[in-house]
């Protein structure tokens, strides 16, 4: 598979509606001769690398609970803690 850079494009709302696309939805391009087809990007399957370990899930749940309580840190503090 060739890796490409993403570039935003504007699809008129009427066309998006007719095609069943939502604003911000990723699309893929297919070329046939001089015709370009724009298709909804297929849902990516989840690989084993995309899942959290039990330890990682625990950290995420703890972070979510802290956010719900209104506790947060600045990015500078987080970055500093990661560098230690």
PDB file of N, CA and C in Angstrom:
ATOM      1  N   UNK A   1       0.842  -1.162   0.000  1.00  0.00           N
ATOM      2  CA  UNK A   1       0.000   0.000   0.000  1.00  0.00           C
ATOM      3  C   UNK A   1       0.893   1.232   0.000  1.00  0.00           C
ATOM      4  N   UNK A   2       0.551   2.221  -0.814  1.00  0.00           N
ATOM      5  CA  UNK A   2       1.304   3.459  -0.893  1.00  0.00           C
ATOM      6  C   UNK A   2       0.787   4.430   0.144  1.00  0.00           C
ATOM      7  N   UNK A   3       1.697   5.032   0.895  1.00  0.00           N
ATOM      8  CA  UNK A   3       1.305   6.017   1.893  1.00  0.00           C
ATOM      9  C   UNK A   3       1.254   7.379   1.215  1.00  0.00           C
ATOM     10  N   UNK A   4       0.165   8.106   1.420  1.00  0.00           N
ATOM     11  CA  UNK A   4       0.022   9.421   0.820  1.00  0.00           C
ATOM     12  C   UNK A   4      -0.295  10.443   1.887  1.00  0.00           C
ATOM     13  N   UNK A   5      -0.026  11.692   1.572  1.00  0.00           N
ATOM     14  CA  UNK A   5      -0.357  12.782   2.474  1.00  0.00           C
ATOM     15  C   UNK A   5      -1.813  13.174   2.292  1.00  0.00           C
ATOM     16  N   UNK A   6      -2.459  13.537   3.372  1.00  0.00           N
ATOM     17  CA  UNK A   6      -3.855  13.957   3.303  1.00  0.00           C
ATOM     18  C   UNK A   6      -3.917  15.440   2.975  1.00  0.00           C
ATOM     19  N   UNK A   7      -4.786  15.805   2.066  1.00  0.00           N
ATOM     20  CA  UNK A   7      -5.026  17.191   1.714  1.00  0.00           C
ATOM     21  C   UNK A   7      -6.521  17.427   1.773  1.00  0.00           C
ATOM     22  N   UNK A   8      -6.950  18.416   2.557  1.00  0.00           N
ATOM     23  CA  UNK A   8      -8.398  18.677   2.635  1.00  0.00           C
ATOM     24  C   UNK A   8      -8.951  19.117   1.281  1.00  0.00           C
ATOM     25  N   UNK A   9     -10.147  18.666   0.977  1.00  0.00           N
ATOM     26  CA  UNK A   9     -10.848  19.128  -0.213  1.00  0.00           C
ATOM     27  C   UNK A   9     -12.237  19.573   0.214  1.00  0.00           C
ATOM     28  N   UNK A  10     -12.850  20.413  -0.591  1.00  0.00           N
ATOM     29  CA  UNK A  10     -14.195  20.889  -0.292  1.00  0.00           C
ATOM     30  C   UNK A  10     -15.165  20.196  -1.248  1.00  0.00           C
ATOM     31  N   UNK A  11     -16.126  19.496  -0.676  1.00  0.00           N
ATOM     32  CA  UNK A  11     -17.181  18.856  -1.459  1.00  0.00           C
ATOM     33  C   UNK A  11     -18.460  19.617  -1.145  1.00  0.00           C
ATOM     34  N   UNK A  12     -19.132  20.164  -2.160  1.00  0.00           N
ATOM     35  CA  UNK A  12     -20.353  20.924  -1.896  1.00  0.00           C
ATOM     36  C   UNK A  12     -21.355  20.115  -1.074  1.00  0.00           C
ATOM     37  N   UNK A  13     -22.052  20.811  -0.180  1.00  0.00           N
ATOM     38  CA  UNK A  13     -22.986  20.143   0.734  1.00  0.00           C
ATOM     39  C   UNK A  13     -24.031  19.309  -0.008  1.00  0.00           C
ATOM     40  N   UNK A  14     -24.563  19.824  -1.100  1.00  0.00           N
ATOM     41  CA  UNK A  14     -25.592  19.063  -1.833  1.00  0.00           C
ATOM     42  C   UNK A  14     -25.032  17.739  -2.354  1.00  0.00           C
ATOM     43  N   UNK A  15     -23.804  17.767  -2.818  1.00  0.00           N
ATOM     44  CA  UNK A  15     -23.166  16.541  -3.321  1.00  0.00           C
ATOM     45  C   UNK A  15     -22.915  15.581  -2.161  1.00  0.00           C
ATOM     46  N   UNK A  16     -22.397  16.114  -1.032  1.00  0.00           N
ATOM     47  CA  UNK A  16     -22.141  15.267   0.145  1.00  0.00           C
ATOM     48  C   UNK A  16     -23.425  14.572   0.571  1.00  0.00           C
ATOM     49  N   UNK A  17     -24.514  15.334   0.644  1.00  0.00           N
ATOM     50  CA  UNK A  17     -25.795  14.750   1.066  1.00  0.00           C
ATOM     51  C   UNK A  17     -26.230  13.635   0.122  1.00  0.00           C
ATOM     52  N   UNK A  18     -26.150  13.880  -1.172  1.00  0.00           N
ATOM     53  CA  UNK A  18     -26.550  12.865  -2.157  1.00  0.00           C
ATOM     54  C   UNK A  18     -25.705  11.605  -2.035  1.00  0.00           C
ATOM     55  N   UNK A  19     -24.418  11.780  -1.688  1.00  0.00           N
ATOM     56  CA  UNK A  19     -23.515  10.640  -1.578  1.00  0.00           C
ATOM     57  C   UNK A  19     -23.553   9.996  -0.194  1.00  0.00           C
ATOM     58  N   UNK A  20     -24.251  10.646   0.749  1.00  0.00           N
ATOM     59  CA  UNK A  20     -24.323  10.100   2.098  1.00  0.00           C
ATOM     60  C   UNK A  20     -23.052  10.312   2.900  1.00  0.00           C
ATOM     61  N   UNK A  21     -22.273  11.327   2.545  1.00  0.00           N
ATOM     62  CA  UNK A  21     -21.038  11.636   3.273  1.00  0.00           C
ATOM     63  C   UNK A  21     -21.314  12.685   4.342  1.00  0.00           C
ATOM     64  N   UNK A  22     -20.596  12.579   5.466  1.00  0.00           N
ATOM     65  CA  UNK A  22     -20.706  13.584   6.531  1.00  0.00           C
ATOM     66  C   UNK A  22     -19.508  14.516   6.446  1.00  0.00           C
ATOM     67  N   UNK A  23     -19.691  15.727   6.936  1.00  0.00           N
ATOM     68  CA  UNK A  23     -18.596  16.695   6.972  1.00  0.00           C
ATOM     69  C   UNK A  23     -17.434  16.100   7.764  1.00  0.00           C
ATOM     70  N   UNK A  24     -16.233  16.186   7.227  1.00  0.00           N
ATOM     71  CA  UNK A  24     -15.051  15.678   7.908  1.00  0.00           C
ATOM     72  C   UNK A  24     -14.774  14.202   7.695  1.00  0.00           C
ATOM     73  N   UNK A  25     -15.683  13.499   7.043  1.00  0.00           N
ATOM     74  CA  UNK A  25     -15.484  12.063   6.808  1.00  0.00           C
ATOM     75  C   UNK A  25     -14.354  11.860   5.811  1.00  0.00           C
ATOM     76  N   UNK A  26     -13.503  10.873   6.068  1.00  0.00           N
ATOM     77  CA  UNK A  26     -12.393  10.593   5.160  1.00  0.00           C
ATOM     78  C   UNK A  26     -12.892   9.853   3.932  1.00  0.00           C
ATOM     79  N   UNK A  27     -12.264  10.168   2.798  1.00  0.00           N
ATOM     80  CA  UNK A  27     -12.619   9.527   1.533  1.00  0.00           C
ATOM     81  C   UNK A  27     -11.355   8.964   0.904  1.00  0.00           C
ATOM     82  N   UNK A  28     -11.545   8.108  -0.077  1.00  0.00           N
ATOM     83  CA  UNK A  28     -10.408   7.610  -0.853  1.00  0.00           C
ATOM     84  C   UNK A  28     -10.686   7.880  -2.317  1.00  0.00           C
ATOM     85  N   UNK A  29      -9.620   7.988  -3.070  1.00  0.00           N
ATOM     86  CA  UNK A  29      -9.732   8.279  -4.495  1.00  0.00           C
ATOM     87  C   UNK A  29      -9.340   7.054  -5.295  1.00  0.00           C
ATOM     88  N   UNK A  30     -10.102   6.810  -6.360  1.00  0.00           N
ATOM     89  CA  UNK A  30      -9.757   5.744  -7.306  1.00  0.00           C
ATOM     90  C   UNK A  30      -9.745   6.379  -8.688  1.00  0.00           C
ATOM     91  N   UNK A  31      -8.771   5.980  -9.481  1.00  0.00           N
ATOM     92  CA  UNK A  31      -8.613   6.556 -10.811  1.00  0.00           C
ATOM     93  C   UNK A  31      -8.825   5.472 -11.850  1.00  0.00           C
ATOM     94  N   UNK A  32      -9.626   5.783 -12.851  1.00  0.00           N
ATOM     95  CA  UNK A  32      -9.858   4.874 -13.963  1.00  0.00           C
ATOM     96  C   UNK A  32      -9.756   5.704 -15.243  1.00  0.00           C
ATOM     97  N   UNK A  33      -8.650   5.538 -15.952  1.00  0.00           N
ATOM     98  CA  UNK A  33      -8.419   6.386 -17.125  1.00  0.00           C
ATOM     99  C   UNK A  33      -8.290   7.830 -16.675  1.00  0.00           C
ATOM    100  N   UNK A  34      -9.158   8.696 -17.203  1.00  0.00           N
ATOM    101  CA  UNK A  34      -9.119  10.104 -16.812  1.00  0.00           C
ATOM    102  C   UNK A  34     -10.224  10.438 -15.818  1.00  0.00           C
ATOM    103  N   UNK A  35     -10.912   9.433 -15.307  1.00  0.00           N
ATOM    104  CA  UNK A  35     -11.986   9.664 -14.331  1.00  0.00           C
ATOM    105  C   UNK A  35     -11.473   9.425 -12.912  1.00  0.00           C
ATOM    106  N   UNK A  36     -11.888  10.296 -12.003  1.00  0.00           N
ATOM    107  CA  UNK A  36     -11.520  10.154 -10.589  1.00  0.00           C
ATOM    108  C   UNK A  36     -12.797   9.878  -9.810  1.00  0.00           C
ATOM    109  N   UNK A  37     -12.795   8.783  -9.058  1.00  0.00           N
ATOM    110  CA  UNK A  37     -13.942   8.460  -8.205  1.00  0.00           C
ATOM    111  C   UNK A  37     -13.569   8.772  -6.763  1.00  0.00           C
ATOM    112  N   UNK A  38     -14.492   9.410  -6.043  1.00  0.00           N
ATOM    113  CA  UNK A  38     -14.289   9.717  -4.627  1.00  0.00           C
ATOM    114  C   UNK A  38     -15.248   8.830  -3.845  1.00  0.00           C
ATOM    115  N   UNK A  39     -14.703   7.955  -2.994  1.00  0.00           N
ATOM    116  CA  UNK A  39     -15.511   6.982  -2.265  1.00  0.00           C
ATOM    117  C   UNK A  39     -15.292   7.135  -0.768  1.00  0.00           C
ATOM    118  N   UNK A  40     -16.323   6.829   0.040  1.00  0.00           N
ATOM    119  CA  UNK A  40     -16.112   6.848   1.492  1.00  0.00           C
ATOM    120  C   UNK A  40     -15.005   5.867   1.845  1.00  0.00           C
ATOM    121  N   UNK A  41     -14.147   6.261   2.753  1.00  0.00           N
ATOM    122  CA  UNK A  41     -13.065   5.364   3.179  1.00  0.00           C
ATOM    123  C   UNK A  41     -13.677   4.241   4.003  1.00  0.00           C
ATOM    124  N   UNK A  42     -13.303   3.021   3.676  1.00  0.00           N
ATOM    125  CA  UNK A  42     -13.806   1.858   4.415  1.00  0.00           C
ATOM    126  C   UNK A  42     -13.327   1.949   5.859  1.00  0.00           C
ATOM    127  N   UNK A  43     -14.148   1.476   6.770  1.00  0.00           N
ATOM    128  CA  UNK A  43     -13.734   1.457   8.175  1.00  0.00           C
ATOM    129  C   UNK A  43     -12.470   0.643   8.308  1.00  0.00           C
ATOM    130  N   UNK A  44     -11.523   1.200   9.009  1.00  0.00           N
ATOM    131  CA  UNK A  44     -10.277   0.477   9.229  1.00  0.00           C
ATOM    132  C   UNK A  44     -10.504  -0.579  10.285  1.00  0.00           C
ATOM    133  N   UNK A  45      -9.985  -1.755  10.027  1.00  0.00           N
ATOM    134  CA  UNK A  45     -10.126  -2.806  11.030  1.00  0.00           C
ATOM    135  C   UNK A  45      -9.149  -2.545  12.167  1.00  0.00           C
ATOM    136  N   UNK A  46      -9.482  -3.004  13.327  1.00  0.00           N
ATOM    137  CA  UNK A  46      -8.637  -2.821  14.500  1.00  0.00           C
ATOM    138  C   UNK A  46      -7.593  -3.920  14.520  1.00  0.00           C
ATOM    139  N   UNK A  47      -6.350  -3.511  14.628  1.00  0.00           N
ATOM    140  CA  UNK A  47      -5.278  -4.506  14.714  1.00  0.00           C
ATOM    141  C   UNK A  47      -4.890  -4.683  16.172  1.00  0.00           C
ATOM    142  N   UNK A  48      -4.123  -5.690  16.442  1.00  0.00           N
ATOM    143  CA  UNK A  48      -3.680  -5.950  17.814  1.00  0.00           C
ATOM    144  C   UNK A  48      -2.884  -4.773  18.360  1.00  0.00           C
ATOM    145  N   UNK A  49      -2.212  -4.029  17.481  1.00  0.00           N
ATOM    146  CA  UNK A  49      -1.438  -2.866  17.910  1.00  0.00           C
ATOM    147  C   UNK A  49      -2.337  -1.715  18.358  1.00  0.00           C
ATOM    148  N   UNK A  50      -3.605  -1.725  17.957  1.00  0.00           N
ATOM    149  CA  UNK A  50      -4.519  -0.642  18.289  1.00  0.00           C
ATOM    150  C   UNK A  50      -5.234  -0.851  19.623  1.00  0.00           C
ATOM    151  N   UNK A  51      -5.071  -1.985  20.244  1.00  0.00           N
ATOM    152  CA  UNK A  51      -5.775  -2.253  21.492  1.00  0.00           C
ATOM    153  C   UNK A  51      -4.886  -1.933  22.682  1.00  0.00           C
ATOM    154  N   UNK A  52      -5.524  -1.556  23.779  1.00  0.00           N
ATOM    155  CA  UNK A  52      -4.794  -1.218  24.990  1.00  0.00           C
ATOM    156  C   UNK A  52      -4.521  -2.461  25.820  1.00  0.00           C
ATOM    157  N   UNK A  53      -3.381  -2.466  26.450  1.00  0.00           N
ATOM    158  CA  UNK A  53      -3.110  -3.520  27.419  1.00  0.00           C
ATOM    159  C   UNK A  53      -3.966  -3.229  28.650  1.00  0.00           C
ATOM    160  N   UNK A  54      -4.178  -4.198  29.530  1.00  0.00           N
ATOM    161  CA  UNK A  54      -4.944  -3.922  30.753  1.00  0.00           C
ATOM    162  C   UNK A  54      -4.355  -2.766  31.565  1.00  0.00           C
ATOM    163  N   UNK A  55      -3.029  -2.679  31.610  1.00  0.00           N
ATOM    164  CA  UNK A  55      -2.382  -1.593  32.349  1.00  0.00           C
ATOM    165  C   UNK A  55      -2.671  -0.242  31.700  1.00  0.00           C
ATOM    166  N   UNK A  56      -2.593  -0.190  30.361  1.00  0.00           N
ATOM    167  CA  UNK A  56      -2.875   1.058  29.647  1.00  0.00           C
ATOM    168  C   UNK A  56      -4.338   1.468  29.824  1.00  0.00           C
ATOM    169  N   UNK A  57      -5.245   0.489  29.766  1.00  0.00           N
ATOM    170  CA  UNK A  57      -6.668   0.785  29.948  1.00  0.00           C
ATOM    171  C   UNK A  57      -6.922   1.361  31.336  1.00  0.00           C
ATOM    172  N   UNK A  58      -6.227   0.838  32.348  1.00  0.00           N
ATOM    173  CA  UNK A  58      -6.378   1.346  33.714  1.00  0.00           C
ATOM    174  C   UNK A  58      -5.943   2.808  33.800  1.00  0.00           C
ATOM    175  N   UNK A  59      -4.824   3.132  33.148  1.00  0.00           N
ATOM    176  CA  UNK A  59      -4.327   4.513  33.138  1.00  0.00           C
ATOM    177  C   UNK A  59      -5.330   5.431  32.437  1.00  0.00           C
ATOM    178  N   UNK A  60      -5.885   4.973  31.328  1.00  0.00           N
ATOM    179  CA  UNK A  60      -6.867   5.778  30.591  1.00  0.00           C
ATOM    180  C   UNK A  60      -8.111   6.013  31.454  1.00  0.00           C
ATOM    181  N   UNK A  61      -8.622   4.971  32.106  1.00  0.00           N
ATOM    182  CA  UNK A  61      -9.805   5.124  32.961  1.00  0.00           C
ATOM    183  C   UNK A  61      -9.533   6.084  34.107  1.00  0.00           C
ATOM    184  N   UNK A  62      -8.338   5.996  34.687  1.00  0.00           N
ATOM    185  CA  UNK A  62      -7.977   6.900  35.777  1.00  0.00           C
ATOM    186  C   UNK A  62      -7.934   8.346  35.257  1.00  0.00           C
ATOM    187  N   UNK A  63      -7.376   8.557  34.083  1.00  0.00           N
ATOM    188  CA  UNK A  63      -7.319   9.888  33.484  1.00  0.00           C
ATOM    189  C   UNK A  63      -8.700  10.438  33.178  1.00  0.00           C
ATOM    190  N   UNK A  64      -9.583   9.576  32.660  1.00  0.00           N
ATOM    191  CA  UNK A  64     -10.957  10.007  32.384  1.00  0.00           C
ATOM    192  C   UNK A  64     -11.661  10.426  33.667  1.00  0.00           C
ATOM    193  N   UNK A  65     -11.462   9.669  34.746  1.00  0.00           N
ATOM    194  CA  UNK A  65     -12.088   9.998  36.028  1.00  0.00           C
ATOM    195  C   UNK A  65     -11.561  11.339  36.536  1.00  0.00           C
ATOM    196  N   UNK A  66     -10.265  11.595  36.366  1.00  0.00           N
ATOM    197  CA  UNK A  66      -9.699  12.871  36.791  1.00  0.00           C
ATOM    198  C   UNK A  66     -10.295  14.032  35.996  1.00  0.00           C
ATOM    199  N   UNK A  67     -10.464  13.836  34.699  1.00  0.00           N
ATOM    200  CA  UNK A  67     -11.060  14.887  33.874  1.00  0.00           C
ATOM    201  C   UNK A  67     -12.496  15.173  34.301  1.00  0.00           C
ATOM    202  N   UNK A  68     -13.251  14.116  34.603  1.00  0.00           N
ATOM    203  CA  UNK A  68     -14.639  14.302  35.048  1.00  0.00           C
ATOM    204  C   UNK A  68     -14.708  15.095  36.348  1.00  0.00           C
ATOM    205  N   UNK A  69     -13.692  14.938  37.197  1.00  0.00           N
ATOM    206  CA  UNK A  69     -13.645  15.688  38.455  1.00  0.00           C
ATOM    207  C   UNK A  69     -13.106  17.101  38.257  1.00  0.00           C
ATOM    208  N   UNK A  70     -12.706  17.431  37.019  1.00  0.00           N
ATOM    209  CA  UNK A  70     -12.210  18.768  36.732  1.00  0.00           C
ATOM    210  C   UNK A  70     -10.716  18.939  36.891  1.00  0.00           C
ATOM    211  N   UNK A  71     -10.004  17.840  37.116  1.00  0.00           N
ATOM    212  CA  UNK A  71      -8.556  17.916  37.289  1.00  0.00           C
ATOM    213  C   UNK A  71      -7.873  17.780  35.938  1.00  0.00           C
ATOM    214  N   UNK A  72      -6.955  18.686  35.661  1.00  0.00           N
ATOM    215  CA  UNK A  72      -6.180  18.580  34.422  1.00  0.00           C
ATOM    216  C   UNK A  72      -4.796  19.174  34.650  1.00  0.00           C
ATOM    217  N   UNK A  73      -3.887  18.906  33.715  1.00  0.00           N
ATOM    218  CA  UNK A  73      -2.531  19.434  33.754  1.00  0.00           C
ATOM    219  C   UNK A  73      -2.258  20.139  32.436  1.00  0.00           C
ATOM    220  N   UNK A  74      -1.342  21.086  32.482  1.00  0.00           N
ATOM    221  CA  UNK A  74      -0.941  21.758  31.245  1.00  0.00           C
ATOM    222  C   UNK A  74      -0.085  20.800  30.421  1.00  0.00           C
ATOM    223  N   UNK A  75      -0.029  21.036  29.117  1.00  0.00           N
ATOM    224  CA  UNK A  75       0.791  20.203  28.245  1.00  0.00           C
ATOM    225  C   UNK A  75       2.252  20.291  28.674  1.00  0.00           C
ATOM    226  N   UNK A  76       2.699  21.468  29.103  1.00  0.00           N
ATOM    227  CA  UNK A  76       4.083  21.650  29.546  1.00  0.00           C
ATOM    228  C   UNK A  76       4.403  20.702  30.700  1.00  0.00           C
ATOM    229  N   UNK A  77       3.477  20.598  31.676  1.00  0.00           N
ATOM    230  CA  UNK A  77       3.701  19.704  32.815  1.00  0.00           C
ATOM    231  C   UNK A  77       3.716  18.238  32.389  1.00  0.00           C
ATOM    232  N   UNK A  78       2.828  17.879  31.497  1.00  0.00           N
ATOM    233  CA  UNK A  78       2.768  16.498  31.004  1.00  0.00           C
ATOM    234  C   UNK A  78       4.066  16.161  30.269  1.00  0.00           C
ATOM    235  N   UNK A  79       4.494  17.070  29.379  1.00  0.00           N
ATOM    236  CA  UNK A  79       5.709  16.842  28.616  1.00  0.00           C
ATOM    237  C   UNK A  79       6.909  16.705  29.548  1.00  0.00           C
ATOM    238  N   UNK A  80       6.969  17.560  30.559  1.00  0.00           N
ATOM    239  CA  UNK A  80       8.066  17.486  31.520  1.00  0.00           C
ATOM    240  C   UNK A  80       8.069  16.130  32.248  1.00  0.00           C
ATOM    241  N   UNK A  81       6.890  15.653  32.641  1.00  0.00           N
ATOM    242  CA  UNK A  81       6.795  14.366  33.348  1.00  0.00           C
ATOM    243  C   UNK A  81       7.219  13.212  32.434  1.00  0.00           C
ATOM    244  N   UNK A  82       6.899  13.298  31.150  1.00  0.00           N
ATOM    245  CA  UNK A  82       7.265  12.242  30.206  1.00  0.00           C
ATOM    246  C   UNK A  82       8.773  12.203  29.954  1.00  0.00           C
ATOM    247  N   UNK A  83       9.421  13.342  30.068  1.00  0.00           N
ATOM    248  CA  UNK A  83      10.855  13.417  29.788  1.00  0.00           C
ATOM    249  C   UNK A  83      11.698  12.835  30.927  1.00  0.00           C
ATOM    250  N   UNK A  84      11.097  12.647  32.096  1.00  0.00           N
ATOM    251  CA  UNK A  84      11.865  12.121  33.240  1.00  0.00           C
ATOM    252  C   UNK A  84      12.202  10.678  33.086  1.00  0.00           C
TER     253      UNK A  84
END
